[in-house]
N, C-alpha and C. Protein backbone atom coordinates (compact mmCIF):
# COMPACT_ATOMS: atom_id res chain seq x y z
N MET A 1 -12.36 -59.97 23.16
CA MET A 1 -12.03 -61.20 22.56
C MET A 1 -13.03 -62.31 22.96
N GLN A 2 -13.41 -62.31 24.28
CA GLN A 2 -14.39 -63.27 24.69
C GLN A 2 -15.76 -63.05 24.02
N ARG A 3 -16.18 -61.81 23.87
CA ARG A 3 -17.44 -61.55 23.25
C ARG A 3 -17.51 -61.97 21.78
N VAL A 4 -16.39 -61.77 21.04
CA VAL A 4 -16.36 -62.04 19.65
C VAL A 4 -16.26 -63.55 19.42
N LEU A 5 -15.48 -64.27 20.29
CA LEU A 5 -15.22 -65.68 20.03
C LEU A 5 -16.38 -66.53 20.48
N GLU A 6 -17.20 -66.14 21.43
CA GLU A 6 -18.29 -67.01 21.93
C GLU A 6 -19.27 -67.24 20.83
N GLY A 7 -19.54 -68.54 20.58
CA GLY A 7 -20.43 -68.97 19.52
C GLY A 7 -19.91 -69.01 18.12
N SER A 8 -18.69 -68.72 18.00
CA SER A 8 -18.06 -68.73 16.63
C SER A 8 -17.56 -70.16 16.34
N VAL A 9 -17.24 -70.33 14.98
CA VAL A 9 -16.78 -71.62 14.52
C VAL A 9 -15.34 -71.44 14.08
N LEU A 10 -14.51 -72.43 14.50
CA LEU A 10 -13.12 -72.42 14.02
C LEU A 10 -13.06 -72.86 12.56
N LEU A 11 -12.49 -72.02 11.64
CA LEU A 11 -12.50 -72.32 10.18
C LEU A 11 -11.21 -73.07 9.85
N TYR A 12 -10.06 -72.60 10.34
CA TYR A 12 -8.80 -73.29 10.02
C TYR A 12 -7.73 -72.73 10.95
N SER A 13 -6.58 -73.39 10.97
CA SER A 13 -5.49 -72.92 11.72
C SER A 13 -4.22 -73.15 10.90
N GLU A 14 -3.17 -72.44 11.28
CA GLU A 14 -1.88 -72.52 10.59
C GLU A 14 -0.70 -72.28 11.55
N ALA A 15 0.42 -72.88 11.37
CA ALA A 15 1.49 -72.73 12.24
C ALA A 15 2.78 -72.33 11.44
N ARG A 16 3.54 -71.50 12.06
CA ARG A 16 4.90 -71.11 11.54
C ARG A 16 5.85 -71.08 12.61
N GLY A 17 6.66 -72.10 12.71
CA GLY A 17 7.60 -72.15 13.85
C GLY A 17 6.85 -72.34 15.14
N LYS A 18 7.09 -71.50 16.14
CA LYS A 18 6.39 -71.54 17.37
C LYS A 18 5.16 -70.63 17.48
N ARG A 19 4.76 -70.10 16.29
CA ARG A 19 3.63 -69.23 16.20
C ARG A 19 2.46 -69.94 15.49
N MET A 20 1.31 -69.63 15.99
CA MET A 20 0.11 -70.25 15.44
C MET A 20 -0.99 -69.19 15.30
N ILE A 21 -1.89 -69.38 14.31
CA ILE A 21 -3.03 -68.48 14.15
C ILE A 21 -4.28 -69.38 13.93
N PHE A 22 -5.39 -68.93 14.52
CA PHE A 22 -6.70 -69.59 14.37
C PHE A 22 -7.71 -68.57 13.83
N ARG A 23 -8.36 -68.99 12.72
CA ARG A 23 -9.37 -68.13 12.05
C ARG A 23 -10.73 -68.60 12.42
N PHE A 24 -11.54 -67.68 12.93
CA PHE A 24 -12.92 -67.99 13.29
C PHE A 24 -13.92 -67.35 12.40
N SER A 25 -15.17 -67.84 12.45
CA SER A 25 -16.29 -67.45 11.51
C SER A 25 -16.66 -65.98 11.74
N THR A 26 -16.35 -65.41 12.83
CA THR A 26 -16.79 -64.03 13.17
C THR A 26 -15.71 -63.04 12.74
N ASN A 27 -14.90 -63.38 11.75
CA ASN A 27 -13.81 -62.55 11.24
C ASN A 27 -12.79 -62.25 12.44
N ALA A 28 -12.67 -63.17 13.32
CA ALA A 28 -11.76 -63.10 14.39
C ALA A 28 -10.47 -63.95 14.10
N TRP A 29 -9.30 -63.44 14.53
CA TRP A 29 -8.03 -64.07 14.35
C TRP A 29 -7.41 -64.14 15.76
N LEU A 30 -7.08 -65.33 16.23
CA LEU A 30 -6.41 -65.55 17.48
C LEU A 30 -4.99 -66.07 17.25
N GLY A 31 -4.01 -65.35 17.69
CA GLY A 31 -2.63 -65.73 17.53
C GLY A 31 -2.00 -66.28 18.85
N LEU A 32 -1.19 -67.33 18.74
CA LEU A 32 -0.46 -67.78 19.89
C LEU A 32 0.99 -67.88 19.53
N HIS A 33 1.85 -67.40 20.43
CA HIS A 33 3.31 -67.53 20.29
C HIS A 33 3.83 -68.32 21.55
N LEU A 34 4.31 -69.54 21.28
CA LEU A 34 4.59 -70.45 22.31
C LEU A 34 5.83 -69.93 23.19
N GLY A 35 6.74 -69.16 22.55
CA GLY A 35 7.93 -68.73 23.22
C GLY A 35 8.79 -69.91 23.60
N MET A 36 9.51 -69.84 24.64
CA MET A 36 10.47 -70.91 25.10
C MET A 36 9.72 -71.93 25.90
N THR A 37 8.66 -71.58 26.67
CA THR A 37 8.10 -72.50 27.62
C THR A 37 6.57 -72.82 27.42
N GLY A 38 6.06 -72.22 26.33
CA GLY A 38 4.59 -72.40 26.11
C GLY A 38 4.23 -73.73 25.51
N SER A 39 2.99 -74.12 25.75
CA SER A 39 2.50 -75.39 25.21
C SER A 39 0.99 -75.24 24.95
N LEU A 40 0.52 -76.11 24.08
CA LEU A 40 -0.97 -76.08 23.66
C LEU A 40 -1.37 -77.58 23.76
N ARG A 41 -2.51 -77.76 24.49
CA ARG A 41 -2.95 -79.14 24.70
C ARG A 41 -4.47 -79.18 24.74
N VAL A 42 -5.02 -80.38 24.59
CA VAL A 42 -6.47 -80.58 24.65
C VAL A 42 -6.80 -81.30 25.98
N GLU A 43 -7.81 -80.83 26.61
CA GLU A 43 -8.33 -81.43 27.82
C GLU A 43 -9.81 -81.72 27.75
N ALA A 44 -10.35 -82.41 28.75
CA ALA A 44 -11.79 -82.73 28.81
C ALA A 44 -12.57 -81.49 29.00
N ALA A 45 -13.88 -81.61 28.69
CA ALA A 45 -14.81 -80.45 28.64
C ALA A 45 -15.02 -79.87 30.07
N ASP A 46 -14.80 -80.67 31.13
CA ASP A 46 -15.02 -80.11 32.43
C ASP A 46 -13.65 -79.62 33.07
N PHE A 47 -12.73 -79.35 32.24
CA PHE A 47 -11.36 -78.87 32.74
C PHE A 47 -11.46 -77.60 33.49
N LEU A 48 -10.65 -77.52 34.63
CA LEU A 48 -10.54 -76.31 35.44
C LEU A 48 -9.13 -75.73 35.30
N PRO A 49 -8.92 -74.56 34.94
CA PRO A 49 -7.52 -73.97 34.65
C PRO A 49 -6.73 -74.01 36.00
N ALA A 50 -5.37 -74.18 35.75
CA ALA A 50 -4.46 -74.17 36.84
C ALA A 50 -3.69 -72.82 36.78
N LYS A 51 -2.67 -72.68 37.59
CA LYS A 51 -1.99 -71.39 37.72
C LYS A 51 -1.42 -70.89 36.38
N HIS A 52 -0.78 -71.78 35.60
CA HIS A 52 -0.04 -71.34 34.38
C HIS A 52 -0.91 -71.48 33.10
N ASP A 53 -2.14 -71.76 33.25
CA ASP A 53 -3.06 -71.89 32.09
C ASP A 53 -3.64 -70.48 31.78
N HIS A 54 -3.02 -69.83 30.79
CA HIS A 54 -3.38 -68.44 30.60
C HIS A 54 -4.57 -68.18 29.69
N LEU A 55 -4.85 -69.17 28.76
CA LEU A 55 -5.99 -69.06 27.84
C LEU A 55 -6.63 -70.35 27.76
N VAL A 56 -7.96 -70.38 27.95
CA VAL A 56 -8.68 -71.68 27.79
C VAL A 56 -9.88 -71.41 26.85
N LEU A 57 -9.98 -72.20 25.77
CA LEU A 57 -11.06 -72.14 24.82
C LEU A 57 -12.00 -73.35 25.05
N TYR A 58 -13.18 -73.18 25.43
CA TYR A 58 -14.13 -74.23 25.76
C TYR A 58 -14.98 -74.53 24.53
N GLN A 59 -15.05 -75.75 24.20
CA GLN A 59 -15.96 -76.36 23.20
C GLN A 59 -16.83 -77.40 23.84
N PRO A 60 -17.93 -77.80 23.22
CA PRO A 60 -18.88 -78.73 23.81
C PRO A 60 -18.20 -79.96 24.36
N ASN A 61 -17.27 -80.53 23.63
CA ASN A 61 -16.71 -81.80 24.00
C ASN A 61 -15.29 -81.84 24.46
N GLN A 62 -14.59 -80.69 24.38
CA GLN A 62 -13.18 -80.56 24.72
C GLN A 62 -12.79 -79.15 24.95
N VAL A 63 -11.58 -79.02 25.38
CA VAL A 63 -11.02 -77.71 25.83
C VAL A 63 -9.66 -77.55 25.25
N LEU A 64 -9.34 -76.41 24.68
CA LEU A 64 -8.02 -76.06 24.20
C LEU A 64 -7.34 -75.15 25.22
N VAL A 65 -6.13 -75.57 25.66
CA VAL A 65 -5.49 -74.85 26.78
C VAL A 65 -4.10 -74.37 26.34
N PHE A 66 -3.86 -73.09 26.54
CA PHE A 66 -2.54 -72.52 26.33
C PHE A 66 -1.89 -72.27 27.74
N SER A 67 -0.73 -73.00 27.90
CA SER A 67 -0.02 -72.74 29.21
C SER A 67 1.37 -72.27 28.92
N ASP A 68 1.84 -71.44 29.91
CA ASP A 68 3.24 -70.90 29.77
C ASP A 68 3.78 -70.51 31.14
N PRO A 69 4.51 -71.47 31.75
CA PRO A 69 4.91 -71.27 33.17
C PRO A 69 5.84 -70.01 33.31
N ARG A 70 6.63 -69.68 32.34
CA ARG A 70 7.53 -68.54 32.50
C ARG A 70 7.07 -67.20 31.75
N GLN A 71 5.95 -67.36 31.07
CA GLN A 71 5.29 -66.27 30.42
C GLN A 71 6.25 -65.56 29.40
N PHE A 72 6.89 -66.34 28.65
CA PHE A 72 7.70 -65.88 27.46
C PHE A 72 6.84 -65.76 26.22
N GLY A 73 5.63 -66.48 26.24
CA GLY A 73 4.79 -66.56 25.13
C GLY A 73 3.95 -65.32 24.96
N ARG A 74 2.98 -65.37 24.02
CA ARG A 74 2.10 -64.24 23.77
C ARG A 74 0.75 -64.75 23.17
N VAL A 75 -0.25 -64.04 23.55
CA VAL A 75 -1.58 -64.18 22.93
C VAL A 75 -1.98 -62.88 22.20
N GLN A 76 -2.36 -63.03 20.93
CA GLN A 76 -2.72 -61.92 20.11
C GLN A 76 -4.12 -62.04 19.51
N PHE A 77 -4.80 -60.91 19.33
CA PHE A 77 -6.18 -61.01 18.87
C PHE A 77 -6.44 -59.94 17.83
N HIS A 78 -7.21 -60.21 16.76
CA HIS A 78 -7.47 -59.30 15.74
C HIS A 78 -8.92 -59.54 15.17
N LYS A 79 -9.60 -58.56 14.84
CA LYS A 79 -10.92 -58.71 14.20
C LYS A 79 -10.95 -57.94 12.87
N GLY A 80 -11.20 -58.67 11.81
CA GLY A 80 -11.25 -58.06 10.48
C GLY A 80 -11.27 -59.19 9.41
N GLU A 81 -11.57 -58.84 8.20
CA GLU A 81 -11.60 -59.85 7.08
C GLU A 81 -10.24 -60.28 6.68
N ASP A 82 -9.28 -59.36 6.71
CA ASP A 82 -7.87 -59.74 6.30
C ASP A 82 -7.00 -60.22 7.43
N PRO A 83 -6.03 -61.01 7.19
CA PRO A 83 -5.12 -61.48 8.25
C PRO A 83 -4.49 -60.33 8.90
N PRO A 84 -4.18 -60.42 10.21
CA PRO A 84 -3.50 -59.25 10.87
C PRO A 84 -2.06 -59.07 10.40
N VAL A 85 -1.56 -57.88 10.49
CA VAL A 85 -0.24 -57.57 10.01
C VAL A 85 0.81 -58.38 10.77
N TRP A 86 0.58 -58.61 12.12
CA TRP A 86 1.55 -59.36 12.83
C TRP A 86 1.65 -60.83 12.39
N TRP A 87 0.81 -61.27 11.56
CA TRP A 87 0.83 -62.59 10.97
C TRP A 87 1.35 -62.58 9.54
N SER A 88 0.79 -61.71 8.73
CA SER A 88 1.05 -61.65 7.33
C SER A 88 2.50 -61.28 7.01
N LYS A 89 3.18 -60.61 7.97
CA LYS A 89 4.55 -60.21 7.79
C LYS A 89 5.57 -61.19 8.27
N LEU A 90 5.11 -62.28 8.80
CA LEU A 90 5.98 -63.38 9.25
C LEU A 90 6.69 -64.08 8.16
N ALA A 91 7.85 -64.58 8.34
CA ALA A 91 8.53 -65.36 7.33
C ALA A 91 7.80 -66.57 7.00
N PRO A 92 7.88 -67.11 5.81
CA PRO A 92 7.12 -68.29 5.41
C PRO A 92 7.59 -69.53 6.17
N SER A 93 6.74 -70.50 6.38
CA SER A 93 7.08 -71.77 7.00
C SER A 93 8.16 -72.46 6.14
N LEU A 94 9.09 -73.08 6.87
CA LEU A 94 10.33 -73.66 6.25
C LEU A 94 9.98 -74.79 5.22
N ASP A 95 8.81 -75.39 5.36
CA ASP A 95 8.52 -76.50 4.41
C ASP A 95 7.42 -76.04 3.44
N SER A 96 7.19 -74.71 3.30
CA SER A 96 6.26 -74.16 2.41
C SER A 96 6.89 -73.86 1.07
N PRO A 97 6.08 -73.75 -0.01
CA PRO A 97 6.67 -73.36 -1.34
C PRO A 97 7.28 -72.00 -1.33
N GLU A 98 6.83 -71.09 -0.37
CA GLU A 98 7.30 -69.73 -0.39
C GLU A 98 8.70 -69.66 0.21
N PHE A 99 9.11 -70.68 0.92
CA PHE A 99 10.53 -70.61 1.45
C PHE A 99 11.45 -71.19 0.38
N THR A 100 11.96 -70.35 -0.43
CA THR A 100 12.80 -70.78 -1.52
C THR A 100 14.27 -70.50 -1.25
N ALA A 101 15.19 -71.04 -2.00
CA ALA A 101 16.60 -70.78 -1.90
C ALA A 101 16.89 -69.31 -2.12
N GLU A 102 16.13 -68.71 -3.03
CA GLU A 102 16.34 -67.30 -3.29
C GLU A 102 15.94 -66.44 -2.14
N THR A 103 14.78 -66.79 -1.50
CA THR A 103 14.34 -66.07 -0.33
C THR A 103 15.38 -66.12 0.76
N MET A 104 15.90 -67.36 1.03
CA MET A 104 16.92 -67.53 2.02
C MET A 104 18.16 -66.79 1.69
N GLU A 105 18.58 -66.78 0.43
CA GLU A 105 19.85 -66.03 0.09
C GLU A 105 19.63 -64.54 0.34
N GLY A 106 18.51 -64.02 0.08
CA GLY A 106 18.25 -62.55 0.30
C GLY A 106 18.35 -62.24 1.79
N PHE A 107 17.81 -63.18 2.66
CA PHE A 107 17.86 -62.92 4.04
C PHE A 107 19.26 -62.97 4.61
N LEU A 108 20.03 -63.93 4.09
CA LEU A 108 21.41 -64.06 4.57
C LEU A 108 22.30 -62.83 4.13
N LYS A 109 22.00 -62.29 2.94
CA LYS A 109 22.67 -61.10 2.49
C LYS A 109 22.40 -59.90 3.37
N ARG A 110 21.12 -59.81 3.92
CA ARG A 110 20.78 -58.73 4.86
C ARG A 110 21.41 -58.92 6.20
N HIS A 111 21.92 -60.12 6.48
CA HIS A 111 22.68 -60.41 7.77
C HIS A 111 23.99 -60.94 7.47
N SER A 112 24.67 -60.43 6.54
CA SER A 112 25.92 -60.95 5.99
C SER A 112 27.08 -61.03 6.98
N ARG A 113 27.09 -60.12 7.96
CA ARG A 113 28.18 -60.08 8.94
C ARG A 113 28.02 -61.11 10.07
N LEU A 114 26.81 -61.73 10.21
CA LEU A 114 26.65 -62.66 11.29
C LEU A 114 27.31 -64.00 10.96
N PRO A 115 27.74 -64.72 11.99
CA PRO A 115 28.09 -66.16 11.79
C PRO A 115 26.79 -66.85 11.33
N ILE A 116 26.99 -67.85 10.50
CA ILE A 116 25.86 -68.55 9.93
C ILE A 116 25.00 -69.21 11.06
N LYS A 117 25.63 -69.63 12.15
CA LYS A 117 24.88 -70.21 13.29
C LYS A 117 23.91 -69.19 13.81
N ALA A 118 24.40 -67.95 14.00
CA ALA A 118 23.55 -66.85 14.57
C ALA A 118 22.41 -66.56 13.60
N ALA A 119 22.73 -66.51 12.32
CA ALA A 119 21.70 -66.16 11.29
C ALA A 119 20.53 -67.17 11.31
N LEU A 120 20.89 -68.44 11.43
CA LEU A 120 19.88 -69.51 11.42
C LEU A 120 18.91 -69.38 12.65
N LEU A 121 19.35 -68.80 13.72
CA LEU A 121 18.55 -68.64 14.91
C LEU A 121 17.59 -67.44 14.83
N LEU A 122 17.73 -66.64 13.73
CA LEU A 122 16.81 -65.47 13.65
C LEU A 122 15.44 -65.92 13.15
N GLN A 123 14.46 -65.76 14.06
CA GLN A 123 13.10 -66.22 13.69
C GLN A 123 12.46 -65.52 12.59
N ASP A 124 12.81 -64.30 12.28
CA ASP A 124 12.17 -63.59 11.23
C ASP A 124 12.68 -64.07 9.81
N GLY A 125 13.60 -65.03 9.81
CA GLY A 125 14.03 -65.65 8.54
C GLY A 125 13.86 -67.13 8.60
N PHE A 126 14.03 -67.70 9.73
CA PHE A 126 13.98 -69.19 9.91
C PHE A 126 13.04 -69.55 11.11
N PRO A 127 11.76 -69.37 10.93
CA PRO A 127 10.84 -69.59 12.06
C PRO A 127 10.89 -71.08 12.43
N GLY A 128 11.06 -71.28 13.71
CA GLY A 128 11.05 -72.62 14.32
C GLY A 128 12.43 -73.25 14.52
N ILE A 129 13.48 -72.73 13.88
CA ILE A 129 14.80 -73.28 14.09
C ILE A 129 15.32 -72.83 15.42
N GLY A 130 15.60 -73.86 16.26
CA GLY A 130 16.16 -73.59 17.59
C GLY A 130 17.67 -74.00 17.55
N ASN A 131 18.25 -74.04 18.77
CA ASN A 131 19.68 -74.26 18.84
C ASN A 131 20.09 -75.64 18.34
N TRP A 132 19.40 -76.71 18.78
CA TRP A 132 19.84 -78.05 18.30
C TRP A 132 19.62 -78.22 16.84
N MET A 133 18.53 -77.71 16.30
CA MET A 133 18.25 -77.82 14.86
C MET A 133 19.27 -77.11 14.01
N ALA A 134 19.72 -75.94 14.44
CA ALA A 134 20.74 -75.21 13.77
C ALA A 134 22.04 -76.02 13.69
N ASP A 135 22.36 -76.61 14.82
CA ASP A 135 23.59 -77.45 14.84
C ASP A 135 23.45 -78.68 13.90
N GLU A 136 22.29 -79.26 13.87
CA GLU A 136 22.04 -80.42 12.99
C GLU A 136 22.16 -80.04 11.50
N ILE A 137 21.53 -78.88 11.22
CA ILE A 137 21.51 -78.45 9.83
C ILE A 137 22.96 -78.12 9.36
N LEU A 138 23.68 -77.41 10.15
CA LEU A 138 25.00 -76.99 9.72
C LEU A 138 25.99 -78.26 9.64
N TRP A 139 25.72 -79.24 10.54
CA TRP A 139 26.55 -80.41 10.39
C TRP A 139 26.27 -81.17 9.16
N ARG A 140 25.00 -81.32 8.82
CA ARG A 140 24.63 -82.01 7.54
C ARG A 140 24.94 -81.18 6.30
N SER A 141 25.08 -79.91 6.47
CA SER A 141 25.54 -79.10 5.30
C SER A 141 27.04 -78.93 5.24
N ARG A 142 27.75 -79.48 6.21
CA ARG A 142 29.18 -79.44 6.34
C ARG A 142 29.67 -77.94 6.37
N LEU A 143 28.99 -77.12 7.11
CA LEU A 143 29.28 -75.70 7.16
C LEU A 143 29.80 -75.45 8.70
N ASN A 144 30.92 -74.72 8.77
CA ASN A 144 31.42 -74.30 10.03
C ASN A 144 30.44 -73.25 10.64
N PRO A 145 30.04 -73.43 11.95
CA PRO A 145 29.04 -72.52 12.44
C PRO A 145 29.58 -71.10 12.59
N ARG A 146 30.93 -70.96 12.61
CA ARG A 146 31.52 -69.61 12.78
C ARG A 146 31.59 -68.86 11.45
N GLY A 147 31.44 -69.56 10.29
CA GLY A 147 31.58 -68.93 9.01
C GLY A 147 30.53 -67.80 8.79
N ARG A 148 30.94 -66.80 8.08
CA ARG A 148 30.02 -65.66 7.86
C ARG A 148 28.89 -66.08 6.94
N ALA A 149 27.70 -65.50 7.19
CA ALA A 149 26.51 -65.77 6.35
C ALA A 149 26.80 -65.38 4.93
N SER A 150 27.62 -64.31 4.75
CA SER A 150 27.95 -63.81 3.41
C SER A 150 28.69 -64.79 2.55
N ALA A 151 29.40 -65.83 3.20
CA ALA A 151 30.18 -66.74 2.47
C ALA A 151 29.34 -67.94 1.96
N ILE A 152 28.10 -67.99 2.29
CA ILE A 152 27.23 -69.12 1.83
C ILE A 152 26.73 -68.84 0.44
N ARG A 153 27.27 -69.32 -0.52
CA ARG A 153 26.86 -69.03 -1.95
C ARG A 153 26.87 -70.35 -2.76
N GLY A 154 26.33 -70.26 -3.97
CA GLY A 154 26.39 -71.39 -4.95
C GLY A 154 25.87 -72.65 -4.43
N GLN A 155 26.61 -73.73 -4.59
CA GLN A 155 26.23 -75.02 -4.20
C GLN A 155 26.00 -75.15 -2.64
N ARG A 156 26.89 -74.46 -1.92
CA ARG A 156 26.77 -74.52 -0.44
C ARG A 156 25.40 -73.93 -0.06
N LEU A 157 24.89 -72.89 -0.73
CA LEU A 157 23.63 -72.27 -0.41
C LEU A 157 22.52 -73.27 -0.67
N LYS A 158 22.58 -73.97 -1.81
CA LYS A 158 21.59 -74.95 -2.17
C LYS A 158 21.53 -76.07 -1.20
N THR A 159 22.73 -76.54 -0.82
CA THR A 159 22.79 -77.61 0.22
C THR A 159 22.21 -77.20 1.52
N LEU A 160 22.52 -75.99 1.99
CA LEU A 160 21.98 -75.45 3.21
C LEU A 160 20.49 -75.45 3.15
N TRP A 161 19.90 -74.93 2.06
CA TRP A 161 18.45 -74.82 1.91
C TRP A 161 17.79 -76.22 2.02
N LYS A 162 18.46 -77.18 1.31
CA LYS A 162 17.82 -78.55 1.32
C LYS A 162 17.86 -79.15 2.64
N MET A 163 18.97 -78.92 3.48
CA MET A 163 19.09 -79.50 4.77
C MET A 163 18.13 -78.80 5.77
N ILE A 164 17.92 -77.52 5.66
CA ILE A 164 16.95 -76.88 6.46
C ILE A 164 15.58 -77.54 6.34
N ARG A 165 15.15 -77.79 5.11
CA ARG A 165 13.85 -78.45 4.89
C ARG A 165 13.84 -79.90 5.34
N TRP A 166 14.97 -80.63 5.11
CA TRP A 166 15.06 -82.04 5.48
C TRP A 166 15.00 -82.21 6.99
N VAL A 167 15.76 -81.39 7.72
CA VAL A 167 15.85 -81.51 9.18
C VAL A 167 14.50 -81.07 9.74
N SER A 168 13.89 -79.99 9.23
CA SER A 168 12.61 -79.53 9.72
C SER A 168 11.52 -80.63 9.60
N ARG A 169 11.45 -81.21 8.41
CA ARG A 169 10.51 -82.27 8.15
C ARG A 169 10.81 -83.53 9.06
N GLY A 170 12.06 -83.83 9.20
CA GLY A 170 12.43 -84.96 9.98
C GLY A 170 12.08 -84.75 11.46
N ALA A 171 12.26 -83.53 11.95
CA ALA A 171 11.92 -83.21 13.35
C ALA A 171 10.45 -83.38 13.55
N MET A 172 9.64 -82.91 12.60
CA MET A 172 8.18 -83.07 12.71
C MET A 172 7.79 -84.54 12.69
N LYS A 173 8.45 -85.34 11.79
CA LYS A 173 8.12 -86.71 11.75
C LYS A 173 8.42 -87.52 13.00
N HIS A 174 9.64 -87.26 13.50
CA HIS A 174 10.14 -88.17 14.54
C HIS A 174 9.86 -87.62 15.97
N MET A 175 9.75 -86.34 16.12
CA MET A 175 9.75 -85.74 17.43
C MET A 175 8.46 -85.00 17.84
N SER A 176 7.66 -84.57 16.87
CA SER A 176 6.57 -83.57 17.21
C SER A 176 5.46 -84.26 18.00
N ARG A 177 5.20 -85.45 17.87
CA ARG A 177 4.08 -86.14 18.53
C ARG A 177 4.20 -86.48 19.96
N ASN A 178 5.43 -87.06 20.25
CA ASN A 178 5.62 -87.56 21.60
C ASN A 178 7.11 -87.24 22.15
N PHE A 179 7.68 -86.28 21.47
CA PHE A 179 9.08 -85.87 21.89
C PHE A 179 10.05 -86.99 21.81
N SER A 180 9.85 -87.93 20.86
CA SER A 180 10.91 -89.01 20.69
C SER A 180 12.14 -88.46 20.11
N ASP A 181 13.24 -89.20 20.34
CA ASP A 181 14.53 -88.74 19.77
C ASP A 181 14.52 -89.21 18.30
N PRO A 182 15.25 -88.50 17.49
CA PRO A 182 15.36 -88.90 16.05
C PRO A 182 16.18 -90.20 15.98
N PRO A 183 16.23 -90.86 14.78
CA PRO A 183 16.91 -92.11 14.60
C PRO A 183 18.42 -91.96 14.76
N ARG A 184 19.13 -93.10 14.89
CA ARG A 184 20.60 -93.13 14.90
C ARG A 184 21.14 -92.39 13.67
N GLY A 185 22.24 -91.81 13.79
CA GLY A 185 22.87 -91.07 12.73
C GLY A 185 22.66 -89.57 12.71
N TRP A 186 21.77 -89.14 13.64
CA TRP A 186 21.60 -87.65 13.79
C TRP A 186 22.58 -87.12 14.84
N LEU A 187 23.04 -85.94 14.58
CA LEU A 187 23.94 -85.27 15.54
C LEU A 187 23.21 -85.07 16.82
N PHE A 188 21.91 -84.91 16.85
CA PHE A 188 21.07 -84.69 18.02
C PHE A 188 21.43 -85.66 19.15
N ASN A 189 21.64 -86.96 18.72
CA ASN A 189 21.89 -88.00 19.71
C ASN A 189 23.24 -87.95 20.36
N GLU A 190 24.11 -87.08 19.82
CA GLU A 190 25.47 -86.99 20.37
C GLU A 190 25.77 -85.62 21.04
N ARG A 191 25.09 -84.61 20.47
CA ARG A 191 25.50 -83.24 20.95
C ARG A 191 25.28 -82.97 22.41
N TRP A 192 24.34 -83.67 23.08
CA TRP A 192 24.15 -83.36 24.47
C TRP A 192 25.07 -84.14 25.41
N LYS A 193 25.72 -85.11 24.89
CA LYS A 193 26.58 -86.05 25.69
C LYS A 193 27.93 -85.36 26.04
N ARG A 194 28.39 -85.61 27.23
CA ARG A 194 29.77 -85.31 27.49
C ARG A 194 30.61 -86.34 26.85
N GLY A 195 31.49 -85.85 25.93
CA GLY A 195 32.26 -86.80 25.17
C GLY A 195 31.52 -87.22 23.93
N GLY A 196 30.52 -86.49 23.47
CA GLY A 196 29.79 -86.85 22.22
C GLY A 196 30.71 -86.78 21.01
N VAL A 197 30.40 -87.66 20.05
CA VAL A 197 31.29 -87.81 18.90
C VAL A 197 30.44 -87.58 17.61
N CYS A 198 31.13 -87.28 16.51
CA CYS A 198 30.51 -87.13 15.22
C CYS A 198 29.95 -88.45 14.80
N PRO A 199 28.65 -88.57 14.39
CA PRO A 199 28.10 -89.85 13.99
C PRO A 199 28.79 -90.43 12.72
N ILE A 200 29.55 -89.69 11.99
CA ILE A 200 30.23 -90.20 10.84
C ILE A 200 31.61 -90.70 11.12
N HIS A 201 32.49 -89.83 11.71
CA HIS A 201 33.83 -90.12 11.89
C HIS A 201 34.19 -90.58 13.32
N ARG A 202 33.24 -90.45 14.19
CA ARG A 202 33.51 -90.73 15.69
C ARG A 202 34.50 -89.81 16.25
N THR A 203 34.65 -88.60 15.58
CA THR A 203 35.59 -87.60 16.09
C THR A 203 34.88 -86.86 17.23
N LEU A 204 35.60 -86.57 18.32
CA LEU A 204 35.10 -85.83 19.41
C LEU A 204 34.53 -84.45 18.97
N LEU A 205 33.34 -84.17 19.35
CA LEU A 205 32.70 -82.87 18.96
C LEU A 205 33.33 -81.71 19.67
N GLU A 206 33.41 -80.66 18.90
CA GLU A 206 33.88 -79.32 19.52
C GLU A 206 32.61 -78.66 20.14
N ARG A 207 32.88 -77.88 21.20
CA ARG A 207 31.81 -77.05 21.81
C ARG A 207 32.33 -75.68 22.07
N GLU A 208 31.53 -74.70 21.66
CA GLU A 208 31.85 -73.29 21.97
C GLU A 208 30.60 -72.49 21.80
N ILE A 209 30.72 -71.22 22.23
CA ILE A 209 29.60 -70.28 22.15
C ILE A 209 29.71 -69.55 20.85
N VAL A 210 28.66 -69.75 19.95
CA VAL A 210 28.58 -69.04 18.69
C VAL A 210 27.18 -68.38 18.59
N GLY A 211 27.06 -67.13 18.31
CA GLY A 211 25.83 -66.42 18.30
C GLY A 211 25.16 -66.42 19.68
N GLY A 212 25.95 -66.50 20.74
CA GLY A 212 25.31 -66.47 22.10
C GLY A 212 24.78 -67.77 22.53
N ARG A 213 24.99 -68.84 21.71
CA ARG A 213 24.41 -70.21 22.10
C ARG A 213 25.47 -71.19 22.04
N THR A 214 25.43 -72.18 23.03
CA THR A 214 26.32 -73.25 22.95
C THR A 214 26.18 -74.07 21.69
N THR A 215 27.29 -74.31 21.00
CA THR A 215 27.26 -74.89 19.69
C THR A 215 28.13 -76.14 19.64
N ALA A 216 27.54 -77.29 19.13
CA ALA A 216 28.32 -78.54 18.98
C ALA A 216 28.60 -78.64 17.46
N TRP A 217 29.84 -79.04 17.06
CA TRP A 217 30.21 -79.26 15.65
C TRP A 217 31.37 -80.13 15.52
N CYS A 218 31.56 -80.68 14.35
CA CYS A 218 32.63 -81.59 14.04
C CYS A 218 33.70 -80.83 13.23
N ARG A 219 34.87 -80.72 13.80
CA ARG A 219 35.96 -80.06 13.13
C ARG A 219 36.34 -80.72 11.81
N ARG A 220 36.21 -82.01 11.72
CA ARG A 220 36.55 -82.78 10.52
C ARG A 220 35.53 -82.54 9.44
N CYS A 221 34.25 -82.57 9.79
CA CYS A 221 33.18 -82.40 8.81
C CYS A 221 33.06 -80.94 8.35
N GLN A 222 33.13 -80.05 9.34
CA GLN A 222 32.75 -78.65 9.06
C GLN A 222 33.92 -77.71 9.15
N LYS A 223 34.77 -77.88 8.06
CA LYS A 223 36.01 -77.16 8.03
C LYS A 223 35.75 -75.70 7.68
């Protein structure tokens, strides 16, 4: 990897959820999976790696650093003209034209027995959706997190698809640059609180384990 990348030019990059790929002029493809604790940052050109800095790419005026304290992430490398299989087989980005309501419906049918909350957390169908985003999406779609994925059809399916894209874009707009909280009216601002309430009805939020994750939802909104 070091031999191929040295002297090469970065042509473009792309992200899907917590996974990224970088294409270089030497037909090299570098993949990064942030996992739960990984991060990517830019440092000065004289940067010296610390303990958890696992990959450092030096450029003349800056340095790109991949850090991962708990090592849940991954670095992948491929050389060839075509994109690597581990990238081309990924689900499309949620705000891309390829992520259609029909695509989502087919995925839910393949996981029809799962609660819809658990299905939304599957990264091979919904890259980048984590626990809080899934709760936000289901609350805005007025879907009970325990409901079966197979029950999401018709208008409910269309609403779910629209809310997935809306919440994903909203998260990028409000939170991606400096980890700011979203505006008032988001479930996000209540779901962490002890005694958190529904932003619409001020009803006390329910909390339980669904799909192996703590889930916050409104019994009045999400019947």
